[in-house]
Amino acid sequence: MVRIKRLLIHTFIPPWRWRLAFPSALLKDIELAVKHSEGLHSGELRVAIENALPPAWIWNNCSVRQRATEVFSNLRVWDTEDNSGILIYIQMADREVHIVADRGIAKKVKQSEWDSIAGVMQVAFSKGDFRCGVMDGITRLTQLLATHFPPGINNPDELPNKPVIVKR
């Protein structure tokens, strides 16, 4: 029954739903926040927003975390010189946020710390405050990265800063 309910939610969520939460002005602000953040540490951030999961994912009872890992791979967030990519994955239908860190980052920062930041974002999102949630998440993530991964002399921008809208 739970799987069918979830399937219906993902199937019938309007394809434009993400635009209500993340209008173009907010997407631009996220892009600028990511660019600013990356100047303060040696990590590389990507933000991905997905409206709903494909029906096959729901039917096979795949988790949002599994999807976040797939998006991490598809966007090639792992493809940085120091394995320093981080994905903030926002999934609208299930109202979940997951942060996936590459192995260079995961060596020093536990997943529980990323989960804590994702949890703060989800609380703001549940109140309808997507701007505050995403900006606070980027700020907290930046502070954590700046502590463990200060910027080097050569700090190239290896991944696009613009948020990506994942389409089915």
Protein backbone atom coordinates (compact mmCIF):
# COMPACT_ATOMS: atom_id res chain seq x y z
CA MET A 1 0.00 0.00 0.00
CA VAL A 2 2.82 2.41 0.89
CA ARG A 3 4.57 1.71 -2.41
CA ILE A 4 1.39 2.40 -4.39
CA LYS A 5 0.79 5.66 -2.51
CA ARG A 6 4.39 6.72 -3.20
CA LEU A 7 4.03 5.73 -6.86
CA LEU A 8 0.89 7.89 -7.17
CA ILE A 9 2.63 10.87 -5.56
CA HIS A 10 5.60 10.60 -7.91
CA THR A 11 3.42 9.99 -10.96
CA PHE A 12 1.02 12.85 -10.40
CA ILE A 13 3.27 15.58 -9.00
CA PRO A 14 3.03 18.42 -11.51
CA PRO A 15 6.19 18.59 -13.65
CA TRP A 16 6.50 22.29 -12.85
CA ARG A 17 6.28 21.80 -9.05
CA TRP A 18 9.98 22.42 -8.52
CA ARG A 19 9.62 25.92 -10.05
CA LEU A 20 7.36 27.02 -7.20
CA ALA A 21 10.02 26.13 -4.66
CA PHE A 22 13.03 27.14 -6.75
CA PRO A 23 12.16 30.08 -9.03
CA SER A 24 14.81 31.36 -11.42
CA ALA A 25 15.94 34.12 -9.01
CA LEU A 26 16.62 31.52 -6.30
CA LEU A 27 18.47 29.27 -8.76
CA LYS A 28 20.71 32.22 -9.63
CA ASP A 29 21.29 32.95 -5.93
CA ILE A 30 22.21 29.29 -5.37
CA GLU A 31 24.69 29.49 -8.24
CA LEU A 32 26.31 32.58 -6.70
CA ALA A 33 26.35 30.98 -3.22
CA VAL A 34 28.09 27.89 -4.62
CA LYS A 35 30.69 30.05 -6.38
CA HIS A 36 31.32 32.03 -3.19
CA SER A 37 31.49 28.83 -1.12
CA GLU A 38 34.07 27.23 -3.38
CA GLY A 39 36.40 30.18 -2.83
CA LEU A 40 36.55 29.33 0.87
CA HIS A 41 37.56 25.65 0.59
CA SER A 42 38.94 23.12 -1.88
CA GLY A 43 35.68 21.20 -2.32
CA GLU A 44 33.47 21.30 -5.41
CA LEU A 45 29.70 21.62 -4.91
CA ARG A 46 26.80 20.68 -7.13
CA VAL A 47 23.14 21.20 -6.36
CA ALA A 48 20.62 18.96 -8.10
CA ILE A 49 16.84 19.26 -7.83
CA GLU A 50 14.58 16.46 -8.99
CA ASN A 51 10.81 16.72 -9.03
CA ALA A 52 9.99 13.02 -8.84
CA LEU A 53 11.60 9.63 -9.29
CA PRO A 54 10.95 7.50 -12.35
CA PRO A 55 8.09 5.03 -11.78
CA ALA A 56 10.40 2.01 -12.08
CA TRP A 57 12.44 3.32 -9.14
CA ILE A 58 9.33 3.53 -7.00
CA TRP A 59 8.01 0.15 -8.08
CA ASN A 60 11.36 -1.46 -7.25
CA ASN A 61 11.30 0.29 -3.86
CA CYS A 62 14.54 2.19 -4.48
CA SER A 63 15.42 4.84 -1.94
CA VAL A 64 16.00 8.53 -2.54
CA ARG A 65 19.53 7.97 -1.21
CA GLN A 66 20.17 5.43 -4.00
CA ARG A 67 18.89 7.96 -6.53
CA ALA A 68 21.14 10.67 -5.07
CA THR A 69 24.13 8.38 -5.53
CA GLU A 70 23.12 7.72 -9.14
CA VAL A 71 22.74 11.45 -9.83
CA PHE A 72 26.16 12.01 -8.21
CA SER A 73 27.58 9.59 -10.76
CA ASN A 74 25.57 10.84 -13.74
CA LEU A 75 26.64 14.44 -13.11
CA ARG A 76 30.24 13.26 -12.71
CA VAL A 77 30.58 14.99 -9.35
CA TRP A 78 33.31 12.45 -8.62
CA ASP A 79 35.37 13.77 -11.55
CA THR A 80 37.61 16.23 -9.68
CA GLU A 81 41.37 16.24 -9.26
CA ASP A 82 41.28 15.60 -5.50
CA ASN A 83 38.03 13.58 -5.37
CA SER A 84 36.50 16.59 -3.63
CA GLY A 85 33.03 16.72 -5.17
CA ILE A 86 29.88 17.07 -3.09
CA LEU A 87 26.30 16.79 -4.28
CA ILE A 88 23.33 18.36 -2.53
CA TYR A 89 20.41 16.37 -3.95
CA ILE A 90 16.90 17.70 -3.38
CA GLN A 91 14.00 15.42 -4.26
CA MET A 92 10.65 17.21 -4.22
CA ALA A 93 8.06 14.40 -4.21
CA ASP A 94 9.48 12.60 -1.17
CA ARG A 95 10.65 15.91 0.34
CA GLU A 96 14.13 14.55 1.02
CA VAL A 97 17.60 16.05 0.86
CA HIS A 98 20.75 13.96 0.61
CA ILE A 99 24.36 15.06 0.55
CA VAL A 100 26.77 12.74 -1.21
CA ALA A 101 30.50 13.35 -0.77
CA ASP A 102 33.30 11.93 -2.88
CA ARG A 103 35.92 9.70 -1.29
CA GLY A 104 38.47 12.51 -0.82
CA ILE A 105 35.99 14.38 1.36
CA ALA A 106 34.52 11.27 3.01
CA LYS A 107 37.95 10.40 4.43
CA LYS A 108 37.72 13.36 6.83
CA VAL A 109 34.00 14.11 7.22
CA LYS A 110 31.55 11.49 8.43
CA GLN A 111 28.26 10.96 6.61
CA SER A 112 26.42 11.79 9.83
CA GLU A 113 27.66 15.39 9.54
CA TRP A 114 26.25 15.67 6.02
CA ASP A 115 23.02 14.05 7.17
CA SER A 116 22.72 16.66 9.92
CA ILE A 117 22.99 19.48 7.36
CA ALA A 118 20.47 17.73 5.10
CA GLY A 119 18.12 17.43 8.07
CA VAL A 120 18.29 21.17 8.75
CA MET A 121 17.47 21.81 5.10
CA GLN A 122 14.52 19.40 5.19
CA VAL A 123 13.07 21.15 8.25
CA ALA A 124 13.13 24.51 6.44
CA PHE A 125 11.69 22.92 3.30
CA SER A 126 8.85 21.35 5.30
CA LYS A 127 7.91 24.88 6.39
CA GLY A 128 7.94 26.02 2.76
CA ASP A 129 11.12 28.07 3.20
CA PHE A 130 13.22 26.74 0.36
CA ARG A 131 15.43 29.84 0.12
CA CYS A 132 16.43 29.72 3.76
CA GLY A 133 16.84 25.95 3.71
CA VAL A 134 19.15 25.78 0.74
CA MET A 135 21.18 28.87 1.68
CA ASP A 136 21.58 27.70 5.28
CA GLY A 137 22.62 24.28 4.00
CA ILE A 138 25.26 25.77 1.70
CA THR A 139 26.53 27.98 4.55
CA ARG A 140 26.82 25.05 6.97
CA LEU A 141 28.44 22.89 4.31
CA THR A 142 30.91 25.69 3.54
CA GLN A 143 31.89 26.03 7.21
CA LEU A 144 32.49 22.30 7.50
CA LEU A 145 34.55 22.16 4.31
CA ALA A 146 36.58 25.27 5.17
CA THR A 147 37.58 23.60 8.45
CA HIS A 148 38.77 20.35 6.87
CA PHE A 149 39.68 21.43 3.32
CA PRO A 150 41.05 24.98 3.19
CA PRO A 151 41.58 26.37 -0.29
CA GLY A 152 44.97 25.79 -1.80
CA ILE A 153 47.02 28.23 -3.83
CA ASN A 154 45.61 26.65 -6.96
CA ASN A 155 41.84 26.28 -6.39
CA PRO A 156 40.28 25.64 -9.81
CA ASP A 157 36.51 25.65 -10.34
CA GLU A 158 36.15 22.11 -11.70
CA LEU A 159 32.36 21.65 -11.69
CA PRO A 160 29.55 23.92 -12.87
CA ASN A 161 28.09 26.13 -10.13
CA LYS A 162 24.64 26.36 -11.67
CA PRO A 163 22.04 24.07 -10.06
CA VAL A 164 20.83 21.30 -12.29
CA ILE A 165 17.20 20.30 -12.65
CA VAL A 166 17.16 16.52 -13.11
CA LYS A 167 14.60 15.52 -15.73
CA ARG A 168 13.12 12.06 -16.08
